[in-house]
Structures are given as structure tokens and as C-alpha cells.
Amino acid sequence: MAKVLFQSTNPRLLRSTLVGYLYEIAQEHQVVLLADGMDDYTKSLLQDKGLFPGLANIIFFESPFGKNVVRKNSRLHAILAKAVNGYKPDVVIVPSDLWPAEMYLLRLAKRARAVTLAMQPGFKMAEQKRLLWWAYQNSCARMPSFLPLSVKMPIAKTKKFLGYALYHWILPLAAGEMPFAGKASFIFWDESSGKRDADFTAVFSKRDRELCIKDGVLAEKIFVLGHPLEHTGTRKFFEKAYSAHGKTREDSKTLTIMWPGEKVGFREQDHSLISEQDIWGRRVSTVKRIAAHLGDWKIFIKPHPTEKEAAQIKESLERISPSVAVVNSLEPAEKYIEMSQCIVGISLPSTTLFTAQKQYPGKIILSLNLDNEFLGDSYKDFEGIEYIDTEEKLDETVHAIGNETYRKEGEGTETFDFGSAAELVNYVYAKRIS
């Protein structure tokens, strides 16, 4: 039995993904959980020794963002150092090797001679070069329109490099550590773990493995583990622990549209700007099209949690039809995934679609990219999610859904390198003691 130190990321990803891996590992190994917050229900669930027999302790920490970053950073480093030095883990598991808490923890783990493993916590949209380009362009679009791009782009890049200097040099030195050298960083939208200090990295699928390789991760470090909901025993855990808790019954004629937080976009073919006005017009037109085909359905609009103009969205969209209702942006998306027969994502793609497909593979899930938007095709050829890039195809699909003639294509099965996270821990632990 190995001693495992398991770090989780934000509460949403802990609940949707990482708690499943934690459940698998706690069946066979002793685990201490490092958590950057969690919801009250998950906290109570983790105290159930029948579900998590190997979970010995939970240690909370706060990531160094927002105000007082120097103080938060010093406190974070102290908490992580105490956890590693006191627990002396054999295996340290992190959601990535790119963010401040993970970089500190992996460095401390190396000193303790622990083997380290990064486990993918959520949907990966694209390779890093495309994500970084989008981030730069989006930053430029937020600047005053009178500034030329030749001025905006250097400003955007300077802001990135200042952030890199803060989190990779200034804060580590302030905490008594050497800087974190190397280009791989969350600052530059790196999402592929394995380019820094993780010995191994586990991903959901062969698609994610290929994206990691494109980003420069060595192929021999990558294992395809699958999402925990794709492991039979762990799916039963999720169904018992979460789906049965406060479960909302599915209504046969209910559709939810996941409303994105992005205000502007960029066209794939020439990278030209899609203005806020054009984005708004397209989204309103899409709601009208769907409502016209599904006259006797209930249509919920679920704004992104960061949406600051939810009141204006509600006022505008609820005029379209009595069947359209804009819900509270802070409500959990899972509530509307559960109750809806159909889930629709509007570009840019929502990670919620990925979660919905894993939790409820039988539901109808549509990903719309009607403006051929840059990064809007992340769900193209993604099993279990129908990708729609023309108005004609949208009309045909929604019409078929309304007439109950829509048939979802069968989903294939993917082979994994390991059957559970516990099996993977056994493998990397054997590497340590051999």
C-alpha cells in the first residue's frame, strides 16, 4: 500500500472528475487530500469511510491569486512543505504541473523522493499554440478600439511576461525557493502536463494524448486512463453519491442552452474579429431558431457563472417566447443537465458539454459553431456530441428533435492503459520501489 498525497484543483473539477480518481485510489491506498476548496456536500461525502476507506486527512490551501498574493504565496508554500515533510508520501498526484501550487508541490515531492503524477482534471480544447493565440487576440480586443494592433499586441505580450515574472521568479524567491525556469506555464495557456516536473501524466483519451504530444510532452510519459465516469465501478459511485443526491427528474421536452461568457470571437479562416454586436446577434438568432422549432418545449438559458450582464440577457431573451427562461448564472450547470433532454453549447465550446457527455451519454448534446469561429470546432468528431456548423444543419437537427425522429449515433468504446487510478498508482509506485 502506497502513501499518496493527492492535490485537487477548484471545487467544480473536484466534484465532476477528481473525486472519482480519489475514490478509486482510496480503496487500496492511504491518501491525504490537499484541496483548494470544495462544496459542502462533497466535504460530507469524503468523511464517509465506507466510500473513502483510505482517506486519512484533508488539508485546505488557498492559491496565490487576487489580493495579497505575496502573503498567500508564502502561506501556500508553508502548508505544502508541512504536508510533504510530515506525511512523507510515496506518490504525489496533481491536476497539472503548470500552476503555482502544483509547481511548489512537485518540487517538494522530488526532494522527498516521491514519484509524481499529473492527472487531467477537465476538457482540453486545443493545443497550446492555438490557445495562446486566442488569448492574445482576446486581450487586444478588450483594449480601446483607436489603438492599432501594432500597439495592442506588444501590450498584451508584456502583460503576459510580467505575470510570468511574478509567478515564476518573484513569488518563488519570496518563499525561499529558486525560480521556476522554463517556458511551460499557465500564464501562456499551457494545458499539457509533463513538460515540467511530473514524472508521468494521465489523460482521458487518445485525442488528449495526441494534443499533449503536439505540445511537446514525451509520449512515454503519457498514459490513457479515461474519465472516472468511464470506469464501471466508479460510475456507480457517482450515481449513488451525486446523481441520487437532490436529483432532478429529466423532462422529455426540455432543452438547455449553455450561454458563453466570451463577448467577441475570431473567424477561423482569416482570424478577423467577430464583434460583440455580431456575436450577440448570432446568439439571439440561434435562440429564436431553436424556439421556433420547439414551440411546446421549455428552453432554459444558463449563463456562464462569470456573466456580469445576466439581467440584460434575461430581459432580451425572454421576449422571444414564453417558453424561454434565463436562469440564475450561479446555479450549478449539473441541475439543468440532469433535467434536460437536450444540451446545447454555443461557441466558444463549453466544458459543460464534455461533463454532460460523460455523466449522461444518452442525452442529446449539440455543439454549435455557426460563424466558423476560431477554437469553435473543439467538439468536431467528438463521440457523443453532434457538431453543427451551418444554419441548415441546425434547422434539420432541431426539427428532428421536435418531431422525435432524431437518432443519436452510437458511441464507440476506447481502450485504456489502466482500468482505474488505483491501478496506475500501483504501477508508478512499483517504479519508485524497484
Protein backbone atom coordinates (compact mmCIF):
# COMPACT_ATOMS: atom_id res chain seq x y z
CA MET A 1 0.00 0.00 0.00
CA ALA A 2 1.40 3.38 -1.04
CA LYS A 3 1.14 6.66 0.82
CA VAL A 4 -0.45 9.07 -1.65
CA LEU A 5 -0.64 12.86 -1.44
CA PHE A 6 -3.48 13.92 -3.76
CA GLN A 7 -3.98 17.57 -4.70
CA SER A 8 -7.27 18.78 -6.14
CA THR A 9 -7.99 21.92 -8.09
CA ASN A 10 -11.12 24.09 -7.95
CA PRO A 11 -14.33 22.71 -6.36
CA ARG A 12 -16.13 22.21 -9.69
CA LEU A 13 -13.43 19.97 -11.14
CA LEU A 14 -13.04 18.11 -7.86
CA ARG A 15 -16.74 17.27 -7.91
CA SER A 16 -17.00 16.42 -11.62
CA THR A 17 -13.78 14.46 -12.10
CA LEU A 18 -11.06 14.28 -9.46
CA VAL A 19 -13.26 12.89 -6.69
CA GLY A 20 -13.71 9.81 -8.90
CA TYR A 21 -9.97 9.21 -9.10
CA LEU A 22 -9.69 9.87 -5.36
CA TYR A 23 -12.42 7.29 -4.72
CA GLU A 24 -10.53 4.67 -6.75
CA ILE A 25 -7.21 5.32 -5.05
CA ALA A 26 -8.68 5.39 -1.53
CA GLN A 27 -9.94 1.81 -1.97
CA GLU A 28 -6.36 0.49 -1.98
CA HIS A 29 -4.03 3.18 -0.67
CA GLN A 30 -3.66 5.64 2.20
CA VAL A 31 -4.40 9.15 0.96
CA VAL A 32 -4.07 12.71 2.23
CA LEU A 33 -6.06 15.22 0.19
CA LEU A 34 -4.83 18.76 -0.45
CA ALA A 35 -7.85 20.81 -1.51
CA ASP A 36 -8.28 24.33 -2.85
CA GLY A 37 -11.86 24.41 -1.55
CA MET A 38 -14.88 22.14 -2.07
CA ASP A 39 -18.66 22.30 -1.77
CA ASP A 40 -20.30 21.27 1.50
CA TYR A 41 -21.86 18.11 0.08
CA THR A 42 -18.55 16.79 -1.26
CA LYS A 43 -16.93 17.58 2.09
CA SER A 44 -19.54 15.48 3.91
CA LEU A 45 -19.17 12.71 1.34
CA LEU A 46 -15.41 12.49 1.88
CA GLN A 47 -15.98 11.85 5.58
CA ASP A 48 -17.78 8.57 4.75
CA LYS A 49 -15.22 5.83 5.48
CA GLY A 50 -17.41 3.35 3.66
CA LEU A 51 -16.76 5.26 0.43
CA PHE A 52 -13.23 6.53 1.13
CA PRO A 53 -11.64 3.98 3.48
CA GLY A 54 -8.08 5.12 2.79
CA LEU A 55 -8.62 8.88 3.13
CA ALA A 56 -6.64 9.84 6.23
CA ASN A 57 -6.82 13.64 6.21
CA ILE A 58 -7.90 16.73 4.26
CA ILE A 59 -5.67 19.81 4.22
CA PHE A 60 -7.04 23.04 2.74
CA PHE A 61 -4.99 25.70 0.99
CA GLU A 62 -5.58 28.90 -0.99
CA SER A 63 -3.92 29.64 -4.32
CA PRO A 64 -1.97 32.93 -4.64
CA PHE A 65 -4.32 34.95 -6.82
CA GLY A 66 -6.28 38.16 -6.31
CA LYS A 67 -5.25 40.41 -3.44
CA ASN A 68 -2.27 39.87 -1.10
CA VAL A 69 -0.56 37.41 -3.44
CA VAL A 70 2.79 37.58 -1.61
CA ARG A 71 1.21 36.66 1.72
CA LYS A 72 -0.96 33.96 0.12
CA ASN A 73 2.06 32.57 -1.70
CA SER A 74 4.15 32.29 1.48
CA ARG A 75 1.27 30.62 3.32
CA LEU A 76 0.73 28.21 0.42
CA HIS A 77 4.38 27.19 0.35
CA ALA A 78 4.40 26.64 4.12
CA ILE A 79 1.27 24.44 4.00
CA LEU A 80 2.61 22.31 1.16
CA ALA A 81 6.05 21.93 2.74
CA LYS A 82 4.49 20.85 6.04
CA ALA A 83 2.27 18.33 4.25
CA VAL A 84 5.14 16.73 2.33
CA ASN A 85 7.64 16.73 5.19
CA GLY A 86 5.09 15.46 7.70
CA TYR A 87 3.35 12.82 5.58
CA LYS A 88 6.38 11.63 3.56
CA PRO A 89 4.35 10.39 0.57
CA ASP A 90 5.44 7.70 -1.87
CA VAL A 91 3.31 9.13 -4.69
CA VAL A 92 2.23 12.75 -5.24
CA ILE A 93 -0.70 13.39 -7.59
CA VAL A 94 -1.55 16.81 -9.02
CA PRO A 95 -4.07 18.04 -11.63
CA SER A 96 -1.22 19.56 -13.67
CA ASP A 97 2.42 20.59 -13.28
CA LEU A 98 1.89 24.16 -14.52
CA TRP A 99 0.17 26.20 -11.79
CA PRO A 100 1.79 27.69 -8.64
CA ALA A 101 0.54 25.15 -6.08
CA GLU A 102 1.46 22.24 -8.34
CA MET A 103 4.93 23.61 -9.14
CA TYR A 104 5.74 24.01 -5.44
CA LEU A 105 4.29 20.62 -4.54
CA LEU A 106 6.16 18.75 -7.26
CA ARG A 107 9.46 20.38 -6.32
CA LEU A 108 8.92 19.41 -2.67
CA ALA A 109 7.94 15.90 -3.78
CA LYS A 110 11.18 15.49 -5.71
CA ARG A 111 13.15 16.37 -2.59
CA ALA A 112 11.17 13.73 -0.69
CA ARG A 113 11.97 11.21 -3.46
CA ALA A 114 8.29 10.65 -4.25
CA VAL A 115 7.16 9.67 -7.72
CA THR A 116 4.90 12.30 -9.28
CA LEU A 117 1.84 12.00 -11.49
CA ALA A 118 -0.36 14.65 -13.16
CA MET A 119 -3.97 13.62 -13.82
CA GLN A 120 -6.09 15.53 -16.34
CA PRO A 121 -8.96 17.25 -14.48
CA GLY A 122 -11.09 18.64 -17.32
CA PHE A 123 -11.73 19.06 -21.04
CA LYS A 124 -8.76 20.09 -23.20
CA MET A 125 -9.86 22.34 -26.08
CA ALA A 126 -6.80 22.52 -28.32
CA GLU A 127 -3.03 22.60 -28.46
CA GLN A 128 -1.22 25.38 -26.61
CA LYS A 129 -0.25 27.47 -29.66
CA ARG A 130 -3.89 27.93 -30.67
CA LEU A 131 -4.99 28.70 -27.10
CA LEU A 132 -2.24 31.29 -26.63
CA TRP A 133 -3.05 32.98 -29.95
CA TRP A 134 -6.70 33.24 -28.90
CA ALA A 135 -5.67 34.67 -25.50
CA TYR A 136 -3.53 37.38 -27.12
CA GLN A 137 -6.21 38.34 -29.63
CA ASN A 138 -8.92 38.39 -26.97
CA SER A 139 -6.75 40.64 -24.80
CA CYS A 140 -6.23 43.01 -27.74
CA ALA A 141 -9.98 43.10 -28.45
CA ARG A 142 -10.61 44.40 -24.93
CA MET A 143 -8.31 47.40 -25.43
CA PRO A 144 -9.52 50.78 -26.78
CA SER A 145 -10.52 50.48 -30.43
CA PHE A 146 -8.47 53.52 -31.51
CA LEU A 147 -5.21 51.70 -30.72
CA PRO A 148 -3.68 49.87 -33.72
CA LEU A 149 -2.89 46.15 -33.42
CA SER A 150 0.82 47.00 -33.68
CA VAL A 151 0.45 48.73 -30.29
CA LYS A 152 -2.06 46.36 -28.70
CA MET A 153 -0.10 43.15 -29.27
CA PRO A 154 3.12 44.31 -27.53
CA ILE A 155 0.99 45.45 -24.57
CA ALA A 156 -0.75 42.05 -24.40
CA LYS A 157 2.56 40.19 -24.56
CA THR A 158 4.16 42.46 -21.96
CA LYS A 159 1.31 41.73 -19.54
CA LYS A 160 1.89 38.01 -20.03
CA PHE A 161 5.62 38.27 -19.39
CA LEU A 162 5.04 40.37 -16.27
CA GLY A 163 2.71 37.65 -14.99
CA TYR A 164 5.36 35.05 -15.78
CA ALA A 165 7.99 37.05 -13.90
CA LEU A 166 5.71 37.30 -10.86
CA TYR A 167 4.73 33.63 -10.59
CA HIS A 168 7.93 32.00 -11.84
CA TRP A 169 10.55 34.30 -10.31
CA ILE A 170 9.41 36.88 -7.75
CA LEU A 171 7.00 34.76 -5.69
CA PRO A 172 9.24 31.65 -5.52
CA LEU A 173 12.18 33.77 -4.37
CA ALA A 174 9.95 35.45 -1.78
CA ALA A 175 9.03 31.98 -0.44
CA GLY A 176 12.67 30.90 -0.21
CA GLU A 177 12.65 28.80 -3.39
CA MET A 178 14.66 29.03 -6.57
CA PRO A 179 12.72 30.36 -9.60
CA PHE A 180 10.70 28.02 -11.81
CA ALA A 181 12.65 28.31 -15.05
CA GLY A 182 11.34 27.10 -18.40
CA LYS A 183 8.69 28.39 -20.79
CA ALA A 184 5.86 26.00 -19.88
CA SER A 185 3.36 27.95 -17.76
CA PHE A 186 -0.31 28.53 -17.10
CA ILE A 187 0.44 32.16 -17.97
CA PHE A 188 0.97 31.12 -21.60
CA TRP A 189 -2.08 28.84 -21.67
CA ASP A 190 -0.15 25.61 -21.37
CA GLU A 191 -2.58 22.81 -20.51
CA SER A 192 -0.45 19.74 -21.27
CA SER A 193 1.18 18.39 -18.12
CA GLY A 194 4.50 16.60 -18.33
CA LYS A 195 6.66 19.43 -19.65
CA ARG A 196 7.76 20.43 -16.15
CA ASP A 197 8.23 18.22 -13.06
CA ALA A 198 5.57 15.50 -13.36
CA ASP A 199 7.20 12.10 -13.92
CA PHE A 200 4.05 10.80 -15.62
CA THR A 201 0.77 12.25 -16.87
CA ALA A 202 -2.64 10.58 -17.21
CA VAL A 203 -5.16 11.78 -19.82
CA PHE A 204 -8.75 10.93 -20.70
CA SER A 205 -8.34 9.74 -24.27
CA LYS A 206 -6.10 9.15 -27.28
CA ARG A 207 -7.23 12.57 -28.54
CA ASP A 208 -5.84 14.20 -25.38
CA ARG A 209 -2.67 12.16 -25.70
CA GLU A 210 -2.11 13.46 -29.23
CA LEU A 211 -2.70 17.05 -28.10
CA CYS A 212 -0.11 16.59 -25.33
CA ILE A 213 2.42 15.22 -27.81
CA LYS A 214 1.80 18.20 -30.12
CA ASP A 215 2.52 20.44 -27.12
CA GLY A 216 5.88 18.75 -26.57
CA VAL A 217 5.18 16.13 -23.88
CA LEU A 218 7.22 12.94 -24.30
CA ALA A 219 4.96 10.10 -25.46
CA GLU A 220 6.45 7.62 -22.99
CA LYS A 221 5.29 9.77 -20.05
CA ILE A 222 1.61 9.69 -21.07
CA PHE A 223 -0.99 7.10 -20.05
CA VAL A 224 -4.58 6.98 -21.31
CA LEU A 225 -6.66 6.43 -18.18
CA GLY A 226 -10.12 7.56 -19.25
CA HIS A 227 -12.51 9.76 -17.31
CA PRO A 228 -13.56 8.16 -13.98
CA LEU A 229 -17.15 8.04 -15.26
CA GLU A 230 -15.89 5.61 -17.92
CA HIS A 231 -14.82 3.16 -15.21
CA THR A 232 -17.79 0.92 -14.37
CA GLY A 233 -17.33 0.77 -10.60
CA THR A 234 -16.67 4.48 -10.32
CA ARG A 235 -19.71 5.38 -12.42
CA LYS A 236 -21.79 3.50 -9.86
CA PHE A 237 -20.13 5.60 -7.13
CA PHE A 238 -21.06 8.84 -8.93
CA GLU A 239 -24.63 7.65 -9.48
CA LYS A 240 -25.02 6.71 -5.83
CA ALA A 241 -23.18 9.66 -4.31
CA TYR A 242 -24.11 12.55 -6.60
CA SER A 243 -26.84 11.74 -9.10
CA ALA A 244 -29.14 10.37 -6.41
CA HIS A 245 -28.48 13.40 -4.19
CA GLY A 246 -31.01 16.12 -4.97
CA LYS A 247 -31.62 14.52 -8.36
CA THR A 248 -33.81 16.47 -10.76
CA ARG A 249 -36.08 14.35 -12.95
CA GLU A 250 -35.49 14.67 -16.69
CA ASP A 251 -38.34 16.31 -18.59
CA SER A 252 -38.83 14.88 -22.06
CA LYS A 253 -39.34 18.29 -23.68
CA THR A 254 -36.70 20.43 -22.02
CA LEU A 255 -33.61 21.95 -23.65
CA THR A 256 -30.83 23.96 -22.01
CA ILE A 257 -28.51 26.34 -23.87
CA MET A 258 -25.15 26.98 -22.21
CA TRP A 259 -24.57 30.72 -22.79
CA PRO A 260 -20.83 31.51 -23.12
CA GLY A 261 -19.02 34.23 -21.20
CA GLU A 262 -16.95 35.41 -24.19
CA LYS A 263 -18.16 38.66 -25.77
CA VAL A 264 -16.13 38.60 -29.00
CA GLY A 265 -14.68 35.95 -31.29
CA PHE A 266 -12.37 35.43 -34.27
CA ARG A 267 -13.04 33.74 -37.61
CA GLU A 268 -11.09 30.57 -38.32
CA GLN A 269 -10.34 31.32 -41.98
CA ASP A 270 -8.77 34.79 -41.68
CA HIS A 271 -8.63 35.43 -37.89
CA SER A 272 -10.73 38.57 -38.33
CA LEU A 273 -12.66 39.92 -35.35
CA ILE A 274 -16.28 38.95 -34.77
CA SER A 275 -17.59 41.99 -32.91
CA GLU A 276 -19.58 41.92 -29.71
CA GLN A 277 -22.60 43.16 -31.66
CA ASP A 278 -22.29 40.35 -34.23
CA ILE A 279 -21.77 37.72 -31.53
CA TRP A 280 -24.88 38.93 -29.70
CA GLY A 281 -26.93 38.95 -32.91
CA ARG A 282 -25.89 35.42 -33.78
CA ARG A 283 -26.71 34.08 -30.33
CA VAL A 284 -30.14 35.74 -30.25
CA SER A 285 -30.86 34.41 -33.75
CA THR A 286 -29.89 30.92 -32.60
CA VAL A 287 -32.29 31.05 -29.65
CA LYS A 288 -35.08 32.23 -31.98
CA ARG A 289 -34.41 29.34 -34.41
CA ILE A 290 -34.50 26.75 -31.66
CA ALA A 291 -37.64 28.22 -30.07
CA ALA A 292 -39.40 28.30 -33.46
CA HIS A 293 -38.86 24.56 -33.97
CA LEU A 294 -39.62 23.56 -30.37
CA GLY A 295 -42.77 25.52 -29.66
CA ASP A 296 -44.05 23.19 -26.94
CA TRP A 297 -40.67 22.71 -25.24
CA LYS A 298 -39.23 24.51 -22.23
CA ILE A 299 -35.97 26.26 -23.16
CA PHE A 300 -33.58 27.28 -20.40
CA ILE A 301 -30.68 29.67 -20.98
CA LYS A 302 -27.87 29.04 -18.48
CA PRO A 303 -25.41 31.99 -18.50
CA HIS A 304 -21.77 31.38 -17.65
CA PRO A 305 -21.05 31.91 -13.91
CA THR A 306 -18.80 34.88 -14.73
CA GLU A 307 -21.53 36.65 -16.74
CA LYS A 308 -21.99 40.22 -15.46
CA GLU A 309 -24.90 41.16 -17.73
CA ALA A 310 -27.30 38.37 -16.83
CA ALA A 311 -30.15 40.82 -16.17
CA GLN A 312 -29.88 42.30 -19.68
CA ILE A 313 -29.68 38.81 -21.21
CA LYS A 314 -32.79 37.77 -19.30
CA GLU A 315 -34.74 40.86 -20.37
CA SER A 316 -33.85 40.40 -24.06
CA LEU A 317 -34.18 36.64 -24.49
CA GLU A 318 -37.36 36.08 -22.53
CA ARG A 319 -39.13 38.36 -25.03
CA ILE A 320 -38.53 35.78 -27.76
CA SER A 321 -41.04 33.25 -26.46
CA PRO A 322 -42.91 32.37 -23.26
CA SER A 323 -41.07 29.04 -23.39
CA VAL A 324 -37.65 30.72 -22.93
CA ALA A 325 -36.37 31.25 -19.39
CA VAL A 326 -32.97 32.68 -18.42
CA VAL A 327 -31.88 31.08 -15.15
CA ASN A 328 -29.53 32.21 -12.39
CA SER A 329 -25.96 32.18 -13.70
CA LEU A 330 -24.66 30.97 -10.33
CA GLU A 331 -26.83 27.86 -10.23
CA PRO A 332 -24.93 24.62 -10.90
CA ALA A 333 -24.99 23.56 -14.54
CA GLU A 334 -25.49 19.96 -13.40
CA LYS A 335 -29.07 20.80 -12.34
CA TYR A 336 -30.03 21.73 -15.91
CA ILE A 337 -28.02 18.91 -17.47
CA GLU A 338 -30.00 16.44 -15.36
CA MET A 339 -33.43 17.88 -16.17
CA SER A 340 -32.89 18.45 -19.90
CA GLN A 341 -33.36 16.04 -22.75
CA CYS A 342 -31.06 18.15 -24.93
CA ILE A 343 -27.99 20.27 -24.06
CA VAL A 344 -26.74 22.93 -26.50
CA GLY A 345 -23.37 24.66 -26.38
CA ILE A 346 -22.70 27.87 -28.32
CA SER A 347 -19.18 28.71 -29.47
CA LEU A 348 -16.78 29.05 -27.78
CA PRO A 349 -17.34 25.46 -26.67
CA SER A 350 -18.43 24.94 -23.10
CA THR A 351 -16.55 22.42 -20.98
CA THR A 352 -20.01 21.64 -19.58
CA LEU A 353 -20.76 19.69 -22.77
CA PHE A 354 -17.84 17.39 -22.03
CA THR A 355 -19.08 16.79 -18.48
CA ALA A 356 -22.63 16.21 -19.72
CA GLN A 357 -21.48 13.63 -22.26
CA LYS A 358 -19.57 11.69 -19.60
CA GLN A 359 -22.33 11.86 -16.99
CA TYR A 360 -25.28 11.23 -19.32
CA PRO A 361 -24.07 9.60 -22.55
CA GLY A 362 -27.65 9.00 -23.72
CA LYS A 363 -28.64 12.68 -23.79
CA ILE A 364 -28.72 14.74 -26.99
CA ILE A 365 -25.76 17.13 -26.92
CA LEU A 366 -25.17 19.72 -29.66
CA SER A 367 -22.11 21.94 -30.15
CA LEU A 368 -22.81 24.95 -32.39
CA ASN A 369 -20.20 26.83 -34.42
CA LEU A 370 -22.31 28.77 -36.91
CA ASP A 371 -19.72 31.52 -37.53
CA ASN A 372 -16.81 29.12 -38.14
CA GLU A 373 -15.17 30.61 -35.08
CA PHE A 374 -11.54 30.05 -34.10
CA LEU A 375 -11.47 27.21 -31.50
CA GLY A 376 -15.18 26.72 -32.16
CA ASP A 377 -14.57 23.25 -33.61
CA SER A 378 -13.19 21.66 -30.43
CA TYR A 379 -16.05 19.12 -30.39
CA LYS A 380 -15.81 18.26 -34.08
CA ASP A 381 -15.58 14.45 -34.41
CA PHE A 382 -16.05 14.13 -30.63
CA GLU A 383 -18.04 10.97 -29.94
CA GLY A 384 -21.36 11.57 -28.22
CA ILE A 385 -21.57 15.27 -29.18
CA GLU A 386 -23.03 16.42 -32.51
CA TYR A 387 -21.08 19.27 -34.09
CA ILE A 388 -23.20 21.73 -36.11
CA ASP A 389 -21.61 24.44 -38.27
CA THR A 390 -24.44 25.60 -40.56
CA GLU A 391 -27.90 27.05 -40.01
CA GLU A 392 -29.37 24.41 -42.33
CA LYS A 393 -27.98 21.57 -40.24
CA LEU A 394 -29.20 23.27 -37.06
CA ASP A 395 -32.72 23.58 -38.50
CA GLU A 396 -32.73 19.93 -39.61
CA THR A 397 -31.42 18.66 -36.29
CA VAL A 398 -33.74 20.68 -34.04
CA HIS A 399 -36.71 19.88 -36.28
CA ALA A 400 -35.92 16.17 -35.93
CA ILE A 401 -35.63 16.53 -32.16
CA GLY A 402 -39.03 18.23 -32.02
CA ASN A 403 -40.60 15.51 -34.19
CA GLU A 404 -38.96 12.78 -32.10
CA THR A 405 -37.20 11.41 -35.20
CA TYR A 406 -33.68 12.38 -34.08
CA ARG A 407 -31.38 9.41 -33.57
CA LYS A 408 -28.12 9.82 -31.72
CA GLU A 409 -25.21 7.98 -33.32
CA GLY A 410 -23.77 5.07 -31.40
CA GLU A 411 -20.65 5.76 -29.40
CA GLY A 412 -17.56 3.61 -29.70
CA THR A 413 -15.55 2.31 -26.79
CA GLU A 414 -11.96 3.35 -26.16
CA THR A 415 -9.31 1.13 -24.64
CA PHE A 416 -7.36 2.45 -21.67
CA ASP A 417 -3.88 1.69 -20.38
CA PHE A 418 -5.25 1.11 -16.86
CA GLY A 419 -8.68 0.19 -15.52
CA SER A 420 -8.59 2.64 -12.63
CA ALA A 421 -6.48 5.32 -10.97
CA ALA A 422 -5.55 2.78 -8.28
CA GLU A 423 -4.00 0.50 -10.92
CA LEU A 424 -1.99 3.42 -12.27
CA VAL A 425 -0.78 4.30 -8.75
CA ASN A 426 0.29 0.67 -8.27
CA TYR A 427 2.31 0.93 -11.49
CA VAL A 428 4.11 4.18 -10.68
CA TYR A 429 4.67 3.10 -7.05
CA ALA A 430 6.37 -0.06 -8.31
CA LYS A 431 8.62 2.17 -10.39
CA ARG A 432 9.64 4.01 -7.22
CA ILE A 433 10.50 0.96 -5.14
CA SER A 434 12.14 -1.05 -7.92
